[in-house]
């Protein structure tokens, strides 16, 4: 079975991954990254691909899904407005510099 083959996953797991992927895309993640994250979440929750059948699997752990929304923002919340502003200015300057370097390398 080649890597990335989803045949060993149940229909429910496939639906879960699709739904999780849509959520990531809605929040701005690229399609490929959203798909990768979605399957990682399904694997973490259910223990990977499983065939259906009574008593063949462990209980699902939904902590990875709940964790997603809470994980971000903690670092920013613990910094002052001045620190966040300085960080934003530094990031903008870096993006500007990288864009100029990329443009000159392209031409």
N, C-alpha and C. Protein backbone atom coordinates (compact mmCIF):
# COMPACT_ATOMS: atom_id res chain seq x y z
N UNK A 1 0.85 -1.18 0.00
CA UNK A 1 0.00 0.00 0.00
C UNK A 1 0.90 1.25 0.00
N UNK A 2 0.78 2.12 -1.02
CA UNK A 2 1.63 3.31 -1.09
C UNK A 2 1.29 4.31 0.00
N UNK A 3 2.26 5.15 0.30
CA UNK A 3 2.02 6.21 1.28
C UNK A 3 0.92 7.13 0.78
N UNK A 4 0.07 7.55 1.71
CA UNK A 4 -1.01 8.44 1.33
C UNK A 4 -2.27 7.71 0.91
N UNK A 5 -2.23 6.37 0.84
CA UNK A 5 -3.41 5.59 0.47
C UNK A 5 -4.42 5.64 1.61
N UNK A 6 -5.64 6.02 1.31
CA UNK A 6 -6.66 6.20 2.35
C UNK A 6 -7.66 5.04 2.38
N UNK A 7 -7.35 3.93 1.72
CA UNK A 7 -8.32 2.84 1.63
C UNK A 7 -8.58 2.16 2.97
N UNK A 8 -7.64 2.25 3.91
CA UNK A 8 -7.83 1.58 5.19
C UNK A 8 -8.62 2.43 6.19
N UNK A 9 -9.00 3.63 5.79
CA UNK A 9 -9.78 4.50 6.66
C UNK A 9 -11.27 4.22 6.49
N UNK A 10 -12.02 4.39 7.56
CA UNK A 10 -13.46 4.21 7.49
C UNK A 10 -14.09 5.42 6.82
N UNK A 11 -15.34 5.27 6.40
CA UNK A 11 -16.05 6.40 5.79
C UNK A 11 -16.17 7.55 6.79
N UNK A 12 -16.37 7.20 8.05
CA UNK A 12 -16.50 8.24 9.08
C UNK A 12 -15.20 9.03 9.20
N UNK A 13 -14.06 8.35 9.17
CA UNK A 13 -12.78 9.04 9.26
C UNK A 13 -12.57 9.96 8.05
N UNK A 14 -12.98 9.49 6.89
CA UNK A 14 -12.84 10.32 5.68
C UNK A 14 -13.72 11.57 5.78
N UNK A 15 -14.94 11.40 6.30
CA UNK A 15 -15.82 12.56 6.48
C UNK A 15 -15.23 13.54 7.49
N UNK A 16 -14.68 12.98 8.59
CA UNK A 16 -14.07 13.84 9.61
C UNK A 16 -12.94 14.66 9.00
N UNK A 17 -12.07 14.01 8.24
CA UNK A 17 -10.93 14.71 7.63
C UNK A 17 -11.41 15.80 6.69
N UNK A 18 -12.44 15.50 5.92
CA UNK A 18 -12.98 16.50 4.99
C UNK A 18 -13.52 17.72 5.73
N UNK A 19 -14.23 17.46 6.81
CA UNK A 19 -14.80 18.55 7.59
C UNK A 19 -13.71 19.39 8.25
N UNK A 20 -12.71 18.74 8.81
CA UNK A 20 -11.60 19.45 9.46
C UNK A 20 -10.83 20.27 8.43
N UNK A 21 -10.64 19.68 7.25
CA UNK A 21 -9.93 20.38 6.17
C UNK A 21 -10.67 21.66 5.77
N UNK A 22 -11.98 21.59 5.66
CA UNK A 22 -12.77 22.78 5.32
C UNK A 22 -12.57 23.88 6.36
N UNK A 23 -12.50 23.48 7.62
CA UNK A 23 -12.29 24.46 8.69
C UNK A 23 -10.95 25.16 8.56
N UNK A 24 -9.91 24.38 8.25
CA UNK A 24 -8.58 24.98 8.08
C UNK A 24 -8.56 25.93 6.88
N UNK A 25 -9.21 25.52 5.78
CA UNK A 25 -9.23 26.37 4.59
C UNK A 25 -10.00 27.67 4.87
N UNK A 26 -11.07 27.55 5.65
CA UNK A 26 -11.86 28.73 5.99
C UNK A 26 -11.02 29.73 6.78
N UNK A 27 -10.06 29.21 7.55
CA UNK A 27 -9.19 30.09 8.33
C UNK A 27 -7.94 30.52 7.58
N UNK A 28 -7.86 30.17 6.28
CA UNK A 28 -6.80 30.71 5.43
C UNK A 28 -5.63 29.79 5.15
N UNK A 29 -5.67 28.53 5.57
CA UNK A 29 -4.57 27.62 5.29
C UNK A 29 -4.64 27.19 3.81
N UNK A 30 -3.49 27.01 3.15
CA UNK A 30 -3.51 26.52 1.77
C UNK A 30 -4.12 25.12 1.71
N UNK A 31 -4.64 24.74 0.55
CA UNK A 31 -5.35 23.46 0.39
C UNK A 31 -4.50 22.27 0.83
N UNK A 32 -3.26 22.19 0.36
CA UNK A 32 -2.40 21.05 0.70
C UNK A 32 -2.10 21.00 2.19
N UNK A 33 -1.84 22.17 2.78
CA UNK A 33 -1.55 22.24 4.21
C UNK A 33 -2.80 21.87 5.03
N UNK A 34 -3.96 22.31 4.58
CA UNK A 34 -5.21 21.99 5.28
C UNK A 34 -5.46 20.49 5.25
N UNK A 35 -5.21 19.87 4.11
CA UNK A 35 -5.40 18.42 4.00
C UNK A 35 -4.43 17.67 4.90
N UNK A 36 -3.17 18.09 4.91
CA UNK A 36 -2.17 17.44 5.75
C UNK A 36 -2.55 17.53 7.23
N UNK A 37 -2.95 18.72 7.64
CA UNK A 37 -3.33 18.92 9.04
C UNK A 37 -4.57 18.11 9.40
N UNK A 38 -5.52 18.05 8.47
CA UNK A 38 -6.77 17.33 8.73
C UNK A 38 -6.50 15.85 8.97
N UNK A 39 -5.69 15.24 8.11
CA UNK A 39 -5.39 13.82 8.28
C UNK A 39 -4.54 13.58 9.52
N UNK A 40 -3.66 14.51 9.85
CA UNK A 40 -2.88 14.37 11.08
C UNK A 40 -3.80 14.39 12.29
N UNK A 41 -4.82 15.24 12.26
CA UNK A 41 -5.77 15.32 13.36
C UNK A 41 -6.58 14.03 13.47
N UNK A 42 -7.05 13.52 12.33
CA UNK A 42 -7.82 12.27 12.34
C UNK A 42 -6.95 11.13 12.86
N UNK A 43 -5.70 11.06 12.42
CA UNK A 43 -4.80 10.00 12.89
C UNK A 43 -4.57 10.10 14.39
N UNK A 44 -4.41 11.31 14.88
CA UNK A 44 -4.16 11.52 16.31
C UNK A 44 -5.40 11.12 17.13
N UNK A 45 -6.57 11.45 16.61
CA UNK A 45 -7.81 11.16 17.33
C UNK A 45 -8.15 9.68 17.33
N UNK A 46 -8.01 9.03 16.17
CA UNK A 46 -8.53 7.67 16.01
C UNK A 46 -7.46 6.60 15.96
N UNK A 47 -6.20 7.00 15.94
CA UNK A 47 -5.13 6.00 15.88
C UNK A 47 -4.85 5.49 14.49
N UNK A 48 -5.19 6.26 13.46
CA UNK A 48 -4.88 5.88 12.09
C UNK A 48 -6.03 5.17 11.41
N UNK A 49 -5.76 4.60 10.25
CA UNK A 49 -6.79 3.93 9.46
C UNK A 49 -7.28 2.67 10.15
N UNK A 50 -8.57 2.47 10.18
CA UNK A 50 -9.15 1.30 10.83
C UNK A 50 -10.32 0.79 10.02
N UNK A 51 -10.49 -0.49 10.03
CA UNK A 51 -11.68 -1.08 9.45
C UNK A 51 -12.78 -1.05 10.50
N UNK A 52 -14.01 -0.91 10.05
CA UNK A 52 -15.11 -0.85 10.99
C UNK A 52 -15.36 -2.23 11.59
N UNK A 53 -16.07 -2.26 12.70
CA UNK A 53 -16.39 -3.53 13.35
C UNK A 53 -16.43 -3.33 14.85
N UNK A 54 -17.35 -3.99 15.49
CA UNK A 54 -17.54 -3.81 16.92
C UNK A 54 -16.33 -4.30 17.71
N UNK A 55 -15.85 -3.48 18.62
CA UNK A 55 -14.79 -3.88 19.53
C UNK A 55 -13.41 -3.95 18.92
N UNK A 56 -13.21 -3.41 17.73
CA UNK A 56 -11.91 -3.53 17.09
C UNK A 56 -11.03 -2.33 17.32
N UNK A 57 -11.52 -1.33 18.00
CA UNK A 57 -10.73 -0.12 18.11
C UNK A 57 -10.81 0.48 19.51
N UNK A 58 -9.85 1.33 19.80
CA UNK A 58 -9.85 2.07 21.07
C UNK A 58 -10.81 3.25 20.95
N UNK A 59 -11.18 3.79 22.10
CA UNK A 59 -12.05 4.96 22.11
C UNK A 59 -11.32 6.14 21.46
N UNK A 60 -12.08 7.03 20.84
CA UNK A 60 -11.49 8.20 20.19
C UNK A 60 -11.14 9.26 21.23
N UNK A 61 -10.05 9.95 20.98
CA UNK A 61 -9.61 11.03 21.85
C UNK A 61 -9.77 12.33 21.06
N UNK A 62 -10.71 13.18 21.46
CA UNK A 62 -11.00 14.39 20.69
C UNK A 62 -10.19 15.61 21.14
N UNK A 63 -9.22 15.41 22.01
CA UNK A 63 -8.41 16.53 22.49
C UNK A 63 -7.70 17.27 21.35
N UNK A 64 -7.16 16.59 20.32
CA UNK A 64 -6.49 17.33 19.25
C UNK A 64 -7.40 18.33 18.54
N UNK A 65 -8.67 18.01 18.38
CA UNK A 65 -9.59 18.93 17.73
C UNK A 65 -9.87 20.14 18.61
N UNK A 66 -10.03 19.91 19.88
CA UNK A 66 -10.31 21.02 20.79
C UNK A 66 -9.10 21.92 20.95
N UNK A 67 -7.93 21.34 20.86
CA UNK A 67 -6.69 22.08 21.08
C UNK A 67 -6.48 23.16 20.01
N UNK A 68 -6.90 22.90 18.79
CA UNK A 68 -6.60 23.77 17.67
C UNK A 68 -6.88 25.24 17.89
N UNK A 69 -8.08 25.57 18.32
CA UNK A 69 -8.44 26.97 18.47
C UNK A 69 -7.78 27.64 19.66
N UNK A 70 -7.49 26.85 20.70
CA UNK A 70 -6.92 27.44 21.92
C UNK A 70 -5.42 27.65 21.82
N UNK A 71 -4.75 26.89 20.96
CA UNK A 71 -3.30 26.90 20.93
C UNK A 71 -2.75 28.28 20.55
N UNK A 72 -3.37 28.93 19.58
CA UNK A 72 -2.84 30.20 19.10
C UNK A 72 -3.22 31.37 19.99
N UNK A 73 -2.41 32.40 19.97
CA UNK A 73 -2.75 33.62 20.66
C UNK A 73 -2.20 33.77 22.06
N UNK A 74 -1.73 32.69 22.67
CA UNK A 74 -1.25 32.78 24.05
C UNK A 74 -0.01 33.65 24.15
N UNK A 75 0.89 33.54 23.17
CA UNK A 75 2.12 34.32 23.21
C UNK A 75 1.81 35.81 23.05
N UNK A 76 0.92 36.14 22.13
CA UNK A 76 0.58 37.54 21.89
C UNK A 76 -0.15 38.14 23.09
N UNK A 77 -0.96 37.34 23.75
CA UNK A 77 -1.74 37.85 24.87
C UNK A 77 -0.87 38.21 26.07
N UNK A 78 0.30 37.60 26.16
CA UNK A 78 1.16 37.86 27.31
C UNK A 78 2.14 39.01 27.07
N UNK A 79 2.07 39.63 25.88
CA UNK A 79 2.98 40.75 25.56
C UNK A 79 2.23 42.07 25.59
N UNK A 80 2.98 43.13 25.83
CA UNK A 80 2.37 44.47 25.87
C UNK A 80 2.07 44.93 24.45
N UNK A 81 1.26 45.97 24.33
CA UNK A 81 0.90 46.52 23.03
C UNK A 81 2.15 47.02 22.31
N UNK A 82 3.08 47.63 23.04
CA UNK A 82 4.31 48.15 22.43
C UNK A 82 5.16 47.01 21.86
N UNK A 83 5.24 45.90 22.60
CA UNK A 83 6.01 44.76 22.12
C UNK A 83 5.38 44.16 20.87
N UNK A 84 4.06 44.04 20.86
CA UNK A 84 3.37 43.50 19.68
C UNK A 84 3.56 44.42 18.48
N UNK A 85 3.49 45.72 18.71
CA UNK A 85 3.66 46.69 17.63
C UNK A 85 5.07 46.62 17.04
N UNK A 86 6.05 46.53 17.92
CA UNK A 86 7.45 46.44 17.46
C UNK A 86 7.66 45.17 16.65
N UNK A 87 7.06 44.09 17.09
CA UNK A 87 7.17 42.81 16.39
C UNK A 87 6.51 42.90 15.01
N UNK A 88 5.36 43.54 14.94
CA UNK A 88 4.65 43.70 13.68
C UNK A 88 5.47 44.54 12.70
N UNK A 89 6.08 45.63 13.21
CA UNK A 89 6.91 46.49 12.35
C UNK A 89 8.12 45.73 11.83
N UNK A 90 8.72 44.93 12.70
CA UNK A 90 9.89 44.14 12.30
C UNK A 90 9.49 43.13 11.22
N UNK A 91 8.34 42.48 11.40
CA UNK A 91 7.87 41.52 10.42
C UNK A 91 7.57 42.16 9.08
N UNK A 92 6.96 43.34 9.11
CA UNK A 92 6.63 44.06 7.88
C UNK A 92 7.91 44.44 7.14
N UNK A 93 8.90 44.88 7.89
CA UNK A 93 10.19 45.25 7.27
C UNK A 93 10.85 44.03 6.64
N UNK A 94 10.80 42.89 7.32
CA UNK A 94 11.38 41.67 6.79
C UNK A 94 10.67 41.24 5.51
N UNK A 95 9.32 41.28 5.51
CA UNK A 95 8.57 40.91 4.31
C UNK A 95 8.89 41.84 3.15
N UNK A 96 9.03 43.12 3.45
CA UNK A 96 9.36 44.11 2.41
C UNK A 96 10.74 43.80 1.82
N UNK A 97 11.71 43.54 2.68
CA UNK A 97 13.08 43.23 2.26
C UNK A 97 13.11 41.95 1.42
N UNK A 98 12.40 40.91 1.89
CA UNK A 98 12.38 39.63 1.17
C UNK A 98 11.69 39.77 -0.19
N UNK A 99 10.62 40.57 -0.25
CA UNK A 99 9.93 40.78 -1.52
C UNK A 99 10.84 41.47 -2.52
N UNK A 100 11.61 42.45 -2.05
CA UNK A 100 12.52 43.17 -2.94
C UNK A 100 13.63 42.24 -3.43
N UNK A 101 14.15 41.41 -2.53
CA UNK A 101 15.21 40.47 -2.90
C UNK A 101 14.68 39.44 -3.91
N UNK A 102 13.45 38.99 -3.69
CA UNK A 102 12.86 38.00 -4.59
C UNK A 102 12.62 38.60 -5.97
N UNK A 103 12.16 39.86 -5.99
CA UNK A 103 11.89 40.54 -7.25
C UNK A 103 13.17 40.75 -8.05
N UNK A 104 14.27 41.11 -7.37
CA UNK A 104 15.53 41.34 -8.07
C UNK A 104 16.14 40.02 -8.55
N UNK A 105 15.93 38.95 -7.81
CA UNK A 105 16.46 37.65 -8.21
C UNK A 105 15.67 37.07 -9.38
N UNK A 106 14.40 37.43 -9.46
CA UNK A 106 13.52 36.93 -10.52
C UNK A 106 13.84 37.58 -11.86
N UNK A 107 14.27 38.84 -11.84
CA UNK A 107 14.51 39.55 -13.10
C UNK A 107 15.93 39.41 -13.58
